[in-house]
Amino acid sequence: MGKEKDNVIKRKSRDFAIEIINLYKWLCENRHEYIMSKQLLRSGTSIGANVAEGVRGQTLPDFYAKMSIALKEASETSFWLDVLHATDYLSNDKFDKINTLCDEIISILVAITKNQKNS
């Protein structure tokens, strides 16, 4: 449905998934945190998977549905990042960097889903 060439949300969500995977490995290896980090891994990588599916969607409603799911996953990811930060598993620096990326993705997905609702 969406344009493949230089698709900003597709690129950002893929790069974010890689950041989340690296953060998950760091949390497990250095903080010995396995429960919340697994939830973070699932929701954080699901964003990009849903975006990729939506971009390849066959209909506009399919595209919109996948982008809406990606937005829900991004919101969940933001929640887990906040909880990990509040419980001192993430330092301010680590949290600020990855949370900023998550907020950017949320903003883009909100704009996409708003545009689709108005179509």
N, C-alpha and C. Protein backbone atom coordinates (compact mmCIF):
# COMPACT_ATOMS: atom_id res chain seq x y z
N MET A 1 0.82 -1.19 0.00
CA MET A 1 0.00 0.00 0.00
C MET A 1 0.86 1.25 0.00
N GLY A 2 1.82 1.31 0.91
CA GLY A 2 2.67 2.49 1.01
C GLY A 2 3.81 2.42 0.01
N LYS A 3 4.46 3.55 -0.19
CA LYS A 3 5.61 3.57 -1.10
C LYS A 3 6.79 2.89 -0.42
N GLU A 4 7.42 2.00 -1.15
CA GLU A 4 8.56 1.26 -0.60
C GLU A 4 9.82 2.13 -0.55
N LYS A 5 10.04 2.94 -1.60
CA LYS A 5 11.27 3.70 -1.70
C LYS A 5 11.35 4.74 -0.59
N ASP A 6 12.40 4.67 0.22
CA ASP A 6 12.65 5.59 1.31
C ASP A 6 11.43 5.76 2.22
N ASN A 7 10.86 4.66 2.63
CA ASN A 7 9.73 4.66 3.54
C ASN A 7 10.25 4.93 4.96
N VAL A 8 9.99 6.13 5.46
CA VAL A 8 10.55 6.57 6.73
C VAL A 8 10.13 5.68 7.88
N ILE A 9 8.85 5.36 8.00
CA ILE A 9 8.39 4.55 9.13
C ILE A 9 8.94 3.13 9.05
N LYS A 10 9.07 2.61 7.85
CA LYS A 10 9.62 1.26 7.71
C LYS A 10 11.09 1.24 8.15
N ARG A 11 11.85 2.23 7.72
CA ARG A 11 13.27 2.31 8.09
C ARG A 11 13.43 2.54 9.59
N LYS A 12 12.68 3.51 10.13
CA LYS A 12 12.81 3.83 11.56
C LYS A 12 12.37 2.66 12.45
N SER A 13 11.31 1.96 12.06
CA SER A 13 10.84 0.85 12.89
C SER A 13 11.82 -0.33 12.83
N ARG A 14 12.47 -0.54 11.69
CA ARG A 14 13.49 -1.58 11.58
C ARG A 14 14.70 -1.23 12.45
N ASP A 15 15.17 0.00 12.33
CA ASP A 15 16.32 0.44 13.14
C ASP A 15 15.99 0.38 14.63
N PHE A 16 14.75 0.73 14.97
CA PHE A 16 14.32 0.68 16.37
C PHE A 16 14.31 -0.77 16.87
N ALA A 17 13.85 -1.70 16.04
CA ALA A 17 13.85 -3.12 16.42
C ALA A 17 15.27 -3.58 16.76
N ILE A 18 16.23 -3.14 15.98
CA ILE A 18 17.63 -3.51 16.24
C ILE A 18 18.09 -2.92 17.57
N GLU A 19 17.72 -1.67 17.85
CA GLU A 19 18.06 -1.04 19.14
C GLU A 19 17.42 -1.82 20.30
N ILE A 20 16.18 -2.23 20.12
CA ILE A 20 15.47 -2.98 21.16
C ILE A 20 16.14 -4.34 21.39
N ILE A 21 16.53 -5.01 20.34
CA ILE A 21 17.21 -6.31 20.47
C ILE A 21 18.52 -6.13 21.24
N ASN A 22 19.26 -5.10 20.89
CA ASN A 22 20.53 -4.85 21.60
C ASN A 22 20.28 -4.48 23.07
N LEU A 23 19.23 -3.71 23.33
CA LEU A 23 18.89 -3.36 24.70
C LEU A 23 18.46 -4.60 25.48
N TYR A 24 17.68 -5.47 24.85
CA TYR A 24 17.26 -6.72 25.48
C TYR A 24 18.48 -7.55 25.89
N LYS A 25 19.43 -7.70 24.97
CA LYS A 25 20.64 -8.47 25.28
C LYS A 25 21.39 -7.83 26.45
N TRP A 26 21.52 -6.51 26.44
CA TRP A 26 22.21 -5.80 27.52
C TRP A 26 21.49 -5.99 28.85
N LEU A 27 20.16 -5.87 28.86
CA LEU A 27 19.39 -6.05 30.10
C LEU A 27 19.57 -7.46 30.67
N CYS A 28 19.58 -8.45 29.79
CA CYS A 28 19.75 -9.84 30.25
C CYS A 28 21.17 -10.08 30.77
N GLU A 29 22.16 -9.62 30.02
CA GLU A 29 23.55 -9.89 30.37
C GLU A 29 24.06 -9.05 31.54
N ASN A 30 23.67 -7.78 31.58
CA ASN A 30 24.24 -6.87 32.57
C ASN A 30 23.34 -6.59 33.77
N ARG A 31 22.06 -6.66 33.58
CA ARG A 31 21.13 -6.36 34.68
C ARG A 31 20.39 -7.62 35.16
N HIS A 32 20.57 -8.71 34.46
CA HIS A 32 19.91 -9.98 34.81
C HIS A 32 18.41 -9.80 34.95
N GLU A 33 17.86 -9.02 34.03
CA GLU A 33 16.42 -8.77 34.01
C GLU A 33 15.85 -9.51 32.80
N TYR A 34 14.91 -10.41 33.04
CA TYR A 34 14.43 -11.29 31.96
C TYR A 34 12.94 -11.16 31.67
N ILE A 35 12.16 -10.72 32.61
CA ILE A 35 10.70 -10.69 32.44
C ILE A 35 10.26 -9.45 31.67
N MET A 36 10.52 -8.27 32.22
CA MET A 36 10.11 -7.03 31.55
C MET A 36 10.85 -6.85 30.23
N SER A 37 12.11 -7.25 30.20
CA SER A 37 12.88 -7.09 28.96
C SER A 37 12.33 -7.97 27.84
N LYS A 38 11.77 -9.13 28.18
CA LYS A 38 11.15 -9.99 27.17
C LYS A 38 9.89 -9.33 26.61
N GLN A 39 9.12 -8.70 27.49
CA GLN A 39 7.93 -7.96 27.04
C GLN A 39 8.35 -6.82 26.11
N LEU A 40 9.41 -6.12 26.50
CA LEU A 40 9.94 -5.03 25.68
C LEU A 40 10.40 -5.55 24.32
N LEU A 41 11.07 -6.68 24.31
CA LEU A 41 11.54 -7.28 23.06
C LEU A 41 10.37 -7.60 22.14
N ARG A 42 9.34 -8.19 22.68
CA ARG A 42 8.17 -8.58 21.88
C ARG A 42 7.46 -7.38 21.29
N SER A 43 7.16 -6.40 22.12
CA SER A 43 6.42 -5.23 21.62
C SER A 43 7.29 -4.36 20.72
N GLY A 44 8.55 -4.19 21.10
CA GLY A 44 9.45 -3.31 20.33
C GLY A 44 9.79 -3.82 18.95
N THR A 45 9.87 -5.14 18.79
CA THR A 45 10.14 -5.69 17.46
C THR A 45 8.86 -5.88 16.65
N SER A 46 7.75 -5.97 17.33
CA SER A 46 6.46 -6.13 16.66
C SER A 46 6.07 -4.88 15.86
N ILE A 47 6.55 -3.73 16.29
CA ILE A 47 6.25 -2.48 15.58
C ILE A 47 6.68 -2.62 14.12
N GLY A 48 7.93 -2.94 13.91
CA GLY A 48 8.47 -3.05 12.55
C GLY A 48 7.83 -4.16 11.75
N ALA A 49 7.51 -5.27 12.41
CA ALA A 49 6.86 -6.38 11.69
C ALA A 49 5.49 -5.96 11.18
N ASN A 50 4.74 -5.24 11.99
CA ASN A 50 3.42 -4.78 11.56
C ASN A 50 3.52 -3.71 10.49
N VAL A 51 4.50 -2.82 10.60
CA VAL A 51 4.71 -1.81 9.56
C VAL A 51 5.04 -2.49 8.23
N ALA A 52 5.94 -3.46 8.28
CA ALA A 52 6.32 -4.17 7.04
C ALA A 52 5.11 -4.86 6.42
N GLU A 53 4.29 -5.49 7.23
CA GLU A 53 3.08 -6.13 6.72
C GLU A 53 2.12 -5.10 6.14
N GLY A 54 1.98 -3.98 6.81
CA GLY A 54 1.07 -2.94 6.34
C GLY A 54 1.50 -2.34 5.02
N VAL A 55 2.80 -2.11 4.87
CA VAL A 55 3.33 -1.56 3.63
C VAL A 55 3.04 -2.50 2.46
N ARG A 56 3.05 -3.78 2.74
CA ARG A 56 2.76 -4.79 1.71
C ARG A 56 1.29 -5.18 1.66
N GLY A 57 0.47 -4.49 2.45
CA GLY A 57 -0.96 -4.80 2.51
C GLY A 57 -1.62 -4.68 1.14
N GLN A 58 -2.67 -5.46 0.96
CA GLN A 58 -3.33 -5.48 -0.33
C GLN A 58 -4.44 -4.45 -0.45
N THR A 59 -4.94 -3.96 0.68
CA THR A 59 -6.01 -2.97 0.65
C THR A 59 -5.70 -1.85 1.61
N LEU A 60 -6.36 -0.73 1.42
CA LEU A 60 -6.19 0.39 2.33
C LEU A 60 -6.63 0.04 3.75
N PRO A 61 -7.77 -0.65 3.93
CA PRO A 61 -8.13 -1.05 5.30
C PRO A 61 -7.09 -1.97 5.95
N ASP A 62 -6.46 -2.85 5.16
CA ASP A 62 -5.42 -3.72 5.68
C ASP A 62 -4.21 -2.89 6.14
N PHE A 63 -3.83 -1.93 5.32
CA PHE A 63 -2.73 -1.02 5.66
C PHE A 63 -3.03 -0.30 6.97
N TYR A 64 -4.23 0.28 7.06
CA TYR A 64 -4.63 1.03 8.25
C TYR A 64 -4.64 0.13 9.49
N ALA A 65 -5.15 -1.08 9.35
CA ALA A 65 -5.22 -2.01 10.48
C ALA A 65 -3.82 -2.33 11.01
N LYS A 66 -2.88 -2.59 10.11
CA LYS A 66 -1.51 -2.93 10.54
C LYS A 66 -0.81 -1.73 11.17
N MET A 67 -1.05 -0.53 10.64
CA MET A 67 -0.44 0.67 11.23
C MET A 67 -1.03 0.93 12.61
N SER A 68 -2.31 0.65 12.78
CA SER A 68 -2.95 0.81 14.09
C SER A 68 -2.37 -0.17 15.11
N ILE A 69 -2.13 -1.40 14.68
CA ILE A 69 -1.51 -2.40 15.55
C ILE A 69 -0.09 -1.96 15.90
N ALA A 70 0.65 -1.46 14.92
CA ALA A 70 2.01 -0.98 15.17
C ALA A 70 2.00 0.15 16.20
N LEU A 71 1.01 1.03 16.12
CA LEU A 71 0.89 2.12 17.09
C LEU A 71 0.61 1.58 18.49
N LYS A 72 -0.25 0.58 18.60
CA LYS A 72 -0.51 -0.03 19.90
C LYS A 72 0.76 -0.67 20.47
N GLU A 73 1.51 -1.35 19.61
CA GLU A 73 2.77 -1.98 20.05
C GLU A 73 3.78 -0.92 20.49
N ALA A 74 3.83 0.19 19.78
CA ALA A 74 4.74 1.28 20.15
C ALA A 74 4.36 1.87 21.51
N SER A 75 3.06 2.00 21.74
CA SER A 75 2.59 2.50 23.04
C SER A 75 2.97 1.54 24.16
N GLU A 76 2.82 0.24 23.91
CA GLU A 76 3.23 -0.76 24.90
C GLU A 76 4.73 -0.69 25.15
N THR A 77 5.49 -0.53 24.09
CA THR A 77 6.95 -0.43 24.22
C THR A 77 7.32 0.77 25.08
N SER A 78 6.65 1.88 24.86
CA SER A 78 6.89 3.08 25.67
C SER A 78 6.60 2.79 27.14
N PHE A 79 5.55 2.05 27.42
CA PHE A 79 5.22 1.67 28.79
C PHE A 79 6.35 0.87 29.43
N TRP A 80 6.84 -0.17 28.73
CA TRP A 80 7.90 -1.01 29.29
C TRP A 80 9.19 -0.22 29.49
N LEU A 81 9.49 0.68 28.57
CA LEU A 81 10.68 1.52 28.74
C LEU A 81 10.55 2.36 30.00
N ASP A 82 9.38 2.93 30.20
CA ASP A 82 9.13 3.76 31.38
C ASP A 82 9.27 2.94 32.67
N VAL A 83 8.71 1.74 32.68
CA VAL A 83 8.79 0.89 33.87
C VAL A 83 10.24 0.47 34.14
N LEU A 84 10.96 0.10 33.10
CA LEU A 84 12.37 -0.27 33.28
C LEU A 84 13.19 0.91 33.80
N HIS A 85 12.87 2.08 33.35
CA HIS A 85 13.56 3.29 33.83
C HIS A 85 13.19 3.58 35.28
N ALA A 86 11.90 3.50 35.58
CA ALA A 86 11.42 3.80 36.94
C ALA A 86 11.95 2.82 37.98
N THR A 87 12.30 1.62 37.55
CA THR A 87 12.81 0.60 38.48
C THR A 87 14.34 0.51 38.42
N ASP A 88 14.95 1.50 37.81
CA ASP A 88 16.42 1.64 37.76
C ASP A 88 17.14 0.56 36.96
N TYR A 89 16.43 -0.12 36.08
CA TYR A 89 17.12 -1.04 35.16
C TYR A 89 17.75 -0.26 34.01
N LEU A 90 17.18 0.91 33.69
CA LEU A 90 17.73 1.77 32.63
C LEU A 90 18.17 3.09 33.24
N SER A 91 19.38 3.49 32.93
CA SER A 91 19.86 4.80 33.37
C SER A 91 19.12 5.89 32.60
N ASN A 92 19.25 7.11 33.07
CA ASN A 92 18.62 8.24 32.37
C ASN A 92 19.10 8.33 30.93
N ASP A 93 20.40 8.16 30.71
CA ASP A 93 20.96 8.26 29.36
C ASP A 93 20.40 7.19 28.43
N LYS A 94 20.42 5.94 28.88
CA LYS A 94 19.90 4.85 28.05
C LYS A 94 18.41 5.06 27.77
N PHE A 95 17.67 5.43 28.79
CA PHE A 95 16.24 5.64 28.64
C PHE A 95 15.95 6.79 27.68
N ASP A 96 16.62 7.92 27.88
CA ASP A 96 16.36 9.09 27.04
C ASP A 96 16.59 8.80 25.57
N LYS A 97 17.67 8.10 25.27
CA LYS A 97 18.00 7.81 23.87
C LYS A 97 16.91 6.95 23.22
N ILE A 98 16.60 5.84 23.82
CA ILE A 98 15.67 4.91 23.19
C ILE A 98 14.23 5.40 23.28
N ASN A 99 13.90 6.09 24.35
CA ASN A 99 12.54 6.63 24.49
C ASN A 99 12.27 7.71 23.45
N THR A 100 13.28 8.50 23.13
CA THR A 100 13.13 9.52 22.08
C THR A 100 12.83 8.85 20.74
N LEU A 101 13.52 7.77 20.44
CA LEU A 101 13.24 7.02 19.20
C LEU A 101 11.82 6.47 19.20
N CYS A 102 11.40 5.95 20.32
CA CYS A 102 10.05 5.40 20.44
C CYS A 102 9.00 6.50 20.25
N ASP A 103 9.23 7.65 20.85
CA ASP A 103 8.31 8.78 20.70
C ASP A 103 8.21 9.25 19.25
N GLU A 104 9.34 9.24 18.53
CA GLU A 104 9.33 9.61 17.11
C GLU A 104 8.46 8.65 16.30
N ILE A 105 8.61 7.37 16.58
CA ILE A 105 7.82 6.36 15.88
C ILE A 105 6.34 6.52 16.20
N ILE A 106 6.03 6.75 17.45
CA ILE A 106 4.63 6.97 17.84
C ILE A 106 4.05 8.17 17.10
N SER A 107 4.80 9.26 17.03
CA SER A 107 4.32 10.46 16.33
C SER A 107 4.04 10.18 14.85
N ILE A 108 4.92 9.45 14.22
CA ILE A 108 4.73 9.12 12.80
C ILE A 108 3.51 8.23 12.63
N LEU A 109 3.38 7.23 13.49
CA LEU A 109 2.23 6.31 13.37
C LEU A 109 0.91 7.01 13.68
N VAL A 110 0.92 7.94 14.62
CA VAL A 110 -0.29 8.72 14.89
C VAL A 110 -0.68 9.51 13.63
N ALA A 111 0.30 10.14 12.99
CA ALA A 111 0.01 10.91 11.77
C ALA A 111 -0.52 10.00 10.66
N ILE A 112 0.07 8.82 10.52
CA ILE A 112 -0.39 7.88 9.48
C ILE A 112 -1.81 7.44 9.76
N THR A 113 -2.09 7.05 10.99
CA THR A 113 -3.43 6.54 11.29
C THR A 113 -4.47 7.65 11.23
N LYS A 114 -4.13 8.88 11.59
CA LYS A 114 -5.06 10.00 11.46
C LYS A 114 -5.37 10.25 9.99
N ASN A 115 -4.33 10.22 9.14
CA ASN A 115 -4.54 10.42 7.71
C ASN A 115 -5.44 9.35 7.12
N GLN A 116 -5.27 8.13 7.56
CA GLN A 116 -6.08 7.03 7.04
C GLN A 116 -7.53 7.17 7.47
N LYS A 117 -7.77 7.63 8.69
CA LYS A 117 -9.13 7.82 9.18
C LYS A 117 -9.85 8.89 8.38
N ASN A 118 -9.08 9.88 7.91
CA ASN A 118 -9.68 10.99 7.18
C ASN A 118 -9.81 10.71 5.68
N SER A 119 -9.33 9.55 5.23
CA SER A 119 -9.39 9.22 3.79
C SER A 119 -10.75 8.70 3.40
